[in-house]
Amino acid sequence: MVIAAVMVAEARSRGASAVAHGCTGKGNDQVRFDLTTMALGPDLSIIAPLREWNMSREDEIAYAEEHAIPVPVTLESPYSVDENLWGRSCEAGVLEDPMVEPREDAYEWTVSPAEAPGDPLYLEIAFSAGRPVALDGEGMGLVELITRVNELGGAHGVGRIDMVENRLVGIKSREIYEAPAAAVLIEAHRALESLTLTRETLHFKPLLEAKFAELVYYGLWYDPLRTALAAAVASTQEKVSGEVRVKLFKGTCSVVGRQSKYSLYDYSLATYDRADEFSHRSSEGFIELWGLPLKVWGIKQGRED
């Protein structure tokens, strides 16, 4: 959607009446390009040659070779690759058989977990209002931090995803993703949220996340609901500040520590040792009231068993 928005802005600056993109008729990216253009430049025409040409992947490679057009694919490695700061996707070729294990040539950002270092790497990530702001005590801008975690995570085989997804156009597609920073930062962020958000907020927020992700996936970034959800999510992040320690090892990312000045974790209530200040007697009355509807239901069933 960012690319499409810039494309519309560029068309405006040049006085153009149309925009063009190279998306095929099968992918989700065409929907994002078209819907963003519809929202920001509804008067612009959209040209998508690959929705008109009847060319296979092999035909396209042959055409490129015939016209000396440099492309980073061959018949032996015909992958379709997209990448940005947040991740890299790979499809086509042997990956179109969901039963075939991806070859190592499908990956570029991550080493095989089997070949990753034998010693774990510990990282400490600091967050402020839900945003990562420092790595191992060094303050960083978001782009720099994501780039660095991509490098570190990839070197330890973290962030490989092999999935079959449901495309918006109605077909299933097998995709290989590499997203080391996403895997690490999302895991760390969730750990910090578990410490700082109330139970009800923590249990409800995944519903907001799922709908937000769906809207973005479907190209509806400029739908008013996406804006409303973004505001709701932002309000949950006001106290999500603190530090999280993660361990990267052989393709895994594990949270091994977390702390925050806004932590709702109370040691005196959680502990089972002598510092325990929780009123155990209170539980009896709580359970009696909580289970009262179920108790009445059980009595009314008149069970004979």
Protein backbone atom coordinates (compact mmCIF):
# COMPACT_ATOMS: atom_id res chain seq x y z
CA MET A 1 0.00 0.00 0.00
CA VAL A 2 2.92 2.35 0.66
CA ILE A 3 4.28 1.77 -2.84
CA ALA A 4 0.83 2.32 -4.35
CA ALA A 5 0.35 5.55 -2.37
CA VAL A 6 3.69 6.89 -3.63
CA MET A 7 2.78 5.78 -7.14
CA VAL A 8 -0.46 7.77 -7.01
CA ALA A 9 1.40 10.82 -5.67
CA GLU A 10 3.93 10.52 -8.49
CA ALA A 11 1.14 10.25 -11.06
CA ARG A 12 -0.38 13.44 -9.64
CA SER A 13 2.93 15.30 -9.80
CA ARG A 14 3.35 14.34 -13.45
CA GLY A 15 -0.21 14.99 -14.48
CA ALA A 16 -0.67 11.35 -15.49
CA SER A 17 -4.07 9.82 -16.09
CA ALA A 18 -3.09 6.24 -15.28
CA VAL A 19 -0.82 4.09 -13.12
CA ALA A 20 0.62 0.67 -13.94
CA HIS A 21 1.89 -2.31 -11.96
CA GLY A 22 3.28 -5.75 -12.71
CA CYS A 23 1.07 -7.86 -10.48
CA THR A 24 -0.44 -11.07 -11.79
CA GLY A 25 -4.11 -11.96 -11.64
CA LYS A 26 -3.59 -14.52 -8.87
CA GLY A 27 -1.92 -12.55 -6.12
CA ASN A 28 -3.08 -10.38 -3.26
CA ASP A 29 -0.69 -7.58 -4.19
CA GLN A 30 -2.82 -6.59 -7.17
CA VAL A 31 -5.72 -5.99 -4.78
CA ARG A 32 -3.60 -3.75 -2.59
CA PHE A 33 -2.33 -1.73 -5.55
CA ASP A 34 -5.79 -1.35 -7.04
CA LEU A 35 -7.67 -0.55 -3.81
CA THR A 36 -5.11 2.01 -2.72
CA THR A 37 -5.35 3.67 -6.12
CA MET A 38 -9.14 3.62 -5.90
CA ALA A 39 -9.00 5.32 -2.50
CA LEU A 40 -6.35 7.94 -3.27
CA GLY A 41 -6.78 8.39 -7.02
CA PRO A 42 -10.25 7.19 -7.98
CA ASP A 43 -10.02 9.05 -11.29
CA LEU A 44 -6.84 7.23 -12.36
CA SER A 45 -6.93 4.27 -14.72
CA ILE A 46 -5.07 1.13 -13.68
CA ILE A 47 -2.94 -0.77 -16.20
CA ALA A 48 -1.88 -4.33 -15.29
CA PRO A 49 -0.28 -6.05 -18.32
CA LEU A 50 0.19 -9.40 -16.59
CA ARG A 51 -3.58 -9.70 -16.18
CA GLU A 52 -3.85 -9.48 -19.97
CA TRP A 53 -0.83 -11.45 -21.17
CA ASN A 54 -1.08 -15.24 -21.28
CA MET A 55 2.46 -16.07 -20.24
CA SER A 56 3.68 -18.81 -17.92
CA ARG A 57 6.66 -18.43 -15.59
CA GLU A 58 8.76 -20.33 -18.12
CA ASP A 59 7.57 -18.04 -20.94
CA GLU A 60 8.54 -14.98 -18.93
CA ILE A 61 12.04 -16.33 -18.23
CA ALA A 62 12.50 -17.16 -21.92
CA TYR A 63 11.28 -13.69 -22.93
CA ALA A 64 13.73 -12.06 -20.51
CA GLU A 65 16.63 -14.12 -21.87
CA GLU A 66 15.66 -13.39 -25.48
CA HIS A 67 15.62 -9.65 -24.86
CA ALA A 68 18.67 -9.57 -22.55
CA ILE A 69 16.60 -8.45 -19.59
CA PRO A 70 18.44 -9.34 -16.35
CA VAL A 71 16.20 -11.28 -13.95
CA PRO A 72 17.35 -13.14 -10.81
CA VAL A 73 15.57 -16.40 -11.72
CA THR A 74 16.26 -19.47 -13.85
CA LEU A 75 14.28 -22.54 -14.88
CA GLU A 76 16.14 -24.44 -12.13
CA SER A 77 15.39 -21.76 -9.53
CA PRO A 78 12.21 -20.02 -10.75
CA TYR A 79 11.15 -18.55 -7.43
CA SER A 80 8.95 -15.50 -7.18
CA VAL A 81 10.42 -13.33 -4.43
CA ASP A 82 9.20 -10.19 -2.71
CA GLU A 83 11.00 -8.50 0.13
CA ASN A 84 10.98 -5.39 2.25
CA LEU A 85 12.31 -4.31 5.63
CA TRP A 86 9.91 -6.55 7.54
CA GLY A 87 10.33 -9.80 5.61
CA ARG A 88 10.96 -11.84 2.49
CA SER A 89 8.48 -14.13 0.71
CA CYS A 90 9.25 -16.87 -1.77
CA GLU A 91 6.94 -18.99 -3.92
CA ALA A 92 6.72 -20.91 -7.23
CA GLY A 93 8.90 -23.71 -8.54
CA VAL A 94 9.11 -26.82 -6.38
CA LEU A 95 7.42 -24.89 -3.56
CA GLU A 96 4.11 -25.30 -5.38
CA ASP A 97 4.01 -28.88 -4.08
CA PRO A 98 3.01 -28.50 -0.39
CA MET A 99 4.58 -31.90 0.39
CA VAL A 100 8.05 -30.95 -0.83
CA GLU A 101 10.51 -29.66 1.76
CA PRO A 102 11.90 -26.27 0.68
CA ARG A 103 15.43 -26.39 -0.69
CA GLU A 104 18.01 -24.18 0.93
CA ASP A 105 18.20 -22.04 -2.22
CA ALA A 106 14.72 -20.75 -1.35
CA TYR A 107 16.22 -18.93 1.64
CA GLU A 108 18.51 -15.90 1.65
CA TRP A 109 18.04 -14.13 4.99
CA THR A 110 18.38 -17.12 7.32
CA VAL A 111 20.84 -19.95 7.77
CA SER A 112 19.53 -23.45 8.25
CA PRO A 113 18.81 -24.01 11.96
CA ALA A 114 20.96 -27.15 11.68
CA GLU A 115 23.89 -24.98 10.61
CA ALA A 116 23.25 -22.17 13.11
CA PRO A 117 25.81 -21.49 15.88
CA GLY A 118 26.00 -24.01 18.69
CA ASP A 119 25.86 -21.32 21.37
CA PRO A 120 22.71 -19.23 21.98
CA LEU A 121 22.62 -15.48 21.52
CA TYR A 122 20.88 -13.32 24.14
CA LEU A 123 19.34 -10.00 23.16
CA GLU A 124 17.71 -7.37 25.36
CA ILE A 125 15.10 -5.25 23.61
CA ALA A 126 13.68 -2.09 25.17
CA PHE A 127 10.17 -0.88 24.30
CA SER A 128 8.51 2.48 24.85
CA ALA A 129 4.72 2.67 24.46
CA GLY A 130 4.81 -0.55 22.48
CA ARG A 131 7.59 0.45 20.08
CA PRO A 132 11.09 -1.10 20.18
CA VAL A 133 13.59 1.69 20.86
CA ALA A 134 16.83 0.04 21.95
CA LEU A 135 18.85 -3.13 21.48
CA ASP A 136 21.23 -4.30 24.19
CA GLY A 137 21.17 -0.86 25.77
CA GLU A 138 21.86 1.04 22.55
CA GLY A 139 19.12 3.40 21.42
CA MET A 140 18.17 2.93 17.77
CA GLY A 141 15.68 4.17 15.24
CA LEU A 142 13.06 1.65 14.21
CA VAL A 143 14.55 0.94 10.78
CA GLU A 144 18.05 0.46 12.18
CA LEU A 145 16.79 -1.79 14.97
CA ILE A 146 14.72 -3.99 12.64
CA THR A 147 17.65 -4.28 10.22
CA ARG A 148 20.00 -5.32 13.01
CA VAL A 149 17.62 -7.89 14.49
CA ASN A 150 17.03 -9.29 11.01
CA GLU A 151 20.78 -9.88 10.72
CA LEU A 152 21.17 -11.41 14.18
CA GLY A 153 18.05 -13.52 13.99
CA GLY A 154 18.85 -14.73 10.48
CA ALA A 155 22.34 -15.78 11.56
CA HIS A 156 20.72 -18.09 14.13
CA GLY A 157 18.10 -19.50 11.76
CA VAL A 158 15.20 -17.62 13.36
CA GLY A 159 12.19 -16.48 11.37
CA ARG A 160 11.55 -19.23 8.80
CA ILE A 161 7.85 -19.78 8.06
CA ASP A 162 6.43 -22.42 5.72
CA MET A 163 2.68 -22.03 5.29
CA VAL A 164 -0.31 -22.52 3.03
CA GLU A 165 -2.36 -19.34 3.02
CA ASN A 166 -5.80 -18.40 1.75
CA ARG A 167 -5.48 -15.71 -0.89
CA LEU A 168 -8.19 -13.12 -1.24
CA VAL A 169 -8.87 -14.22 -4.83
CA GLY A 170 -10.04 -17.60 -3.51
CA ILE A 171 -7.11 -19.98 -4.00
CA LYS A 172 -4.66 -21.50 -1.56
CA SER A 173 -0.97 -20.76 -2.00
CA ARG A 174 2.12 -22.26 -0.42
CA GLU A 175 4.55 -19.53 0.63
CA ILE A 176 7.94 -19.51 2.30
CA TYR A 177 8.67 -16.50 4.49
CA GLU A 178 11.76 -15.22 6.23
CA ALA A 179 11.12 -12.62 8.91
CA PRO A 180 13.74 -12.83 11.68
CA ALA A 181 13.08 -9.40 13.19
CA ALA A 182 9.33 -9.90 13.07
CA ALA A 183 9.62 -13.26 14.84
CA VAL A 184 11.85 -11.82 17.57
CA LEU A 185 10.13 -8.48 18.12
CA ILE A 186 6.59 -9.88 18.13
CA GLU A 187 7.55 -12.54 20.66
CA ALA A 188 9.24 -9.95 22.88
CA HIS A 189 6.36 -7.51 22.55
CA ARG A 190 3.80 -10.14 23.53
CA ALA A 191 5.86 -10.99 26.60
CA LEU A 192 5.90 -7.35 27.68
CA GLU A 193 2.16 -7.04 27.09
CA SER A 194 1.57 -10.08 29.31
CA LEU A 195 3.27 -8.14 32.08
CA THR A 196 1.64 -4.74 31.60
CA LEU A 197 -1.88 -5.25 30.22
CA THR A 198 -4.90 -6.15 32.30
CA ARG A 199 -6.40 -9.60 31.83
CA GLU A 200 -9.44 -8.37 29.89
CA THR A 201 -7.33 -6.17 27.59
CA LEU A 202 -4.86 -8.97 26.99
CA HIS A 203 -7.63 -11.44 26.15
CA PHE A 204 -9.49 -9.07 23.82
CA LYS A 205 -6.57 -7.53 21.94
CA PRO A 206 -5.93 -10.58 19.71
CA LEU A 207 -9.38 -10.00 18.19
CA LEU A 208 -8.33 -6.46 17.25
CA GLU A 209 -5.03 -7.74 15.88
CA ALA A 210 -6.69 -10.41 13.74
CA LYS A 211 -9.16 -7.96 12.19
CA PHE A 212 -6.46 -5.34 11.64
CA ALA A 213 -4.23 -7.91 9.90
CA GLU A 214 -7.14 -9.11 7.78
CA LEU A 215 -7.93 -5.59 6.59
CA VAL A 216 -4.29 -4.98 5.65
CA TYR A 217 -4.00 -8.37 3.93
CA TYR A 218 -7.15 -7.61 1.94
CA GLY A 219 -5.80 -4.24 0.82
CA LEU A 220 -8.22 -2.21 2.93
CA TRP A 221 -5.65 0.06 4.58
CA TYR A 222 -7.72 3.14 3.83
CA ASP A 223 -10.97 1.66 5.12
CA PRO A 224 -12.22 3.72 8.11
CA LEU A 225 -12.36 0.57 10.24
CA ARG A 226 -8.58 0.12 9.91
CA THR A 227 -8.09 3.66 11.24
CA ALA A 228 -10.44 2.99 14.14
CA LEU A 229 -8.70 -0.27 15.02
CA ALA A 230 -5.30 1.44 14.89
CA ALA A 231 -6.53 3.99 17.44
CA ALA A 232 -7.84 1.22 19.69
CA VAL A 233 -4.58 -0.71 19.53
CA ALA A 234 -2.56 2.45 20.17
CA SER A 235 -4.54 3.09 23.35
CA THR A 236 -3.56 -0.35 24.68
CA GLN A 237 0.13 0.44 24.23
CA GLU A 238 0.44 3.46 26.51
CA LYS A 239 2.03 1.44 29.35
CA VAL A 240 3.75 -1.24 27.27
CA SER A 241 7.24 -0.05 28.15
CA GLY A 242 10.13 -2.00 29.55
CA GLU A 243 12.83 -4.51 28.66
CA VAL A 244 12.59 -8.07 27.36
CA ARG A 245 15.44 -10.59 27.15
CA VAL A 246 15.24 -13.24 24.43
CA LYS A 247 17.40 -16.24 23.58
CA LEU A 248 18.07 -17.12 19.94
CA PHE A 249 19.16 -20.70 19.40
CA LYS A 250 18.98 -23.05 16.42
CA GLY A 251 15.96 -21.44 14.77
CA THR A 252 14.06 -20.65 17.95
CA CYS A 253 13.37 -17.44 19.83
CA SER A 254 12.51 -17.83 23.51
CA VAL A 255 11.63 -15.11 25.99
CA VAL A 256 13.72 -15.63 29.11
CA GLY A 257 13.12 -12.38 31.01
CA ARG A 258 10.93 -9.28 31.12
CA GLN A 259 10.58 -6.20 33.34
CA SER A 260 8.62 -2.96 33.37
CA LYS A 261 7.92 -0.11 35.74
CA TYR A 262 4.29 -0.58 34.73
CA SER A 263 4.32 -4.28 35.53
CA LEU A 264 1.08 -5.65 37.00
CA TYR A 265 2.93 -8.68 38.33
CA ASP A 266 2.97 -8.56 42.13
CA TYR A 267 5.49 -10.89 43.73
CA SER A 268 3.75 -10.84 47.10
CA LEU A 269 0.57 -12.12 45.46
CA ALA A 270 2.18 -14.60 43.07
CA THR A 271 4.72 -16.25 45.37
CA TYR A 272 4.17 -19.49 47.28
CA ASP A 273 6.92 -18.82 49.81
CA ARG A 274 6.70 -17.01 53.16
CA ALA A 275 6.30 -13.63 51.48
CA ASP A 276 2.85 -14.71 50.27
CA GLU A 277 0.24 -12.04 51.08
CA PHE A 278 -2.62 -13.52 49.06
CA SER A 279 -5.76 -14.26 51.07
CA HIS A 280 -6.37 -17.94 50.40
CA ARG A 281 -9.56 -17.95 52.49
CA SER A 282 -11.08 -15.45 50.06
CA SER A 283 -10.94 -18.03 47.28
CA GLU A 284 -13.62 -20.16 48.90
CA GLY A 285 -16.24 -17.41 48.73
CA PHE A 286 -15.14 -16.37 45.26
CA ILE A 287 -15.46 -19.89 43.88
CA GLU A 288 -18.84 -20.35 45.58
CA LEU A 289 -20.25 -17.26 43.84
CA TRP A 290 -18.47 -17.89 40.54
CA GLY A 291 -19.75 -21.43 40.36
CA LEU A 292 -23.26 -20.73 41.67
CA PRO A 293 -24.97 -20.80 38.23
CA LEU A 294 -23.29 -24.12 37.44
CA LYS A 295 -24.24 -25.51 40.85
CA VAL A 296 -27.89 -24.55 40.33
CA TRP A 297 -27.81 -26.10 36.87
CA GLY A 298 -26.38 -29.30 38.31
CA ILE A 299 -29.11 -29.48 40.97
CA LYS A 300 -31.89 -28.84 38.46
CA GLN A 301 -30.74 -31.60 36.16
CA GLY A 302 -31.95 -34.14 38.69
CA ARG A 303 -29.21 -36.49 37.67
CA GLU A 304 -29.35 -40.08 38.83
CA ASP A 305 -25.74 -40.92 38.04
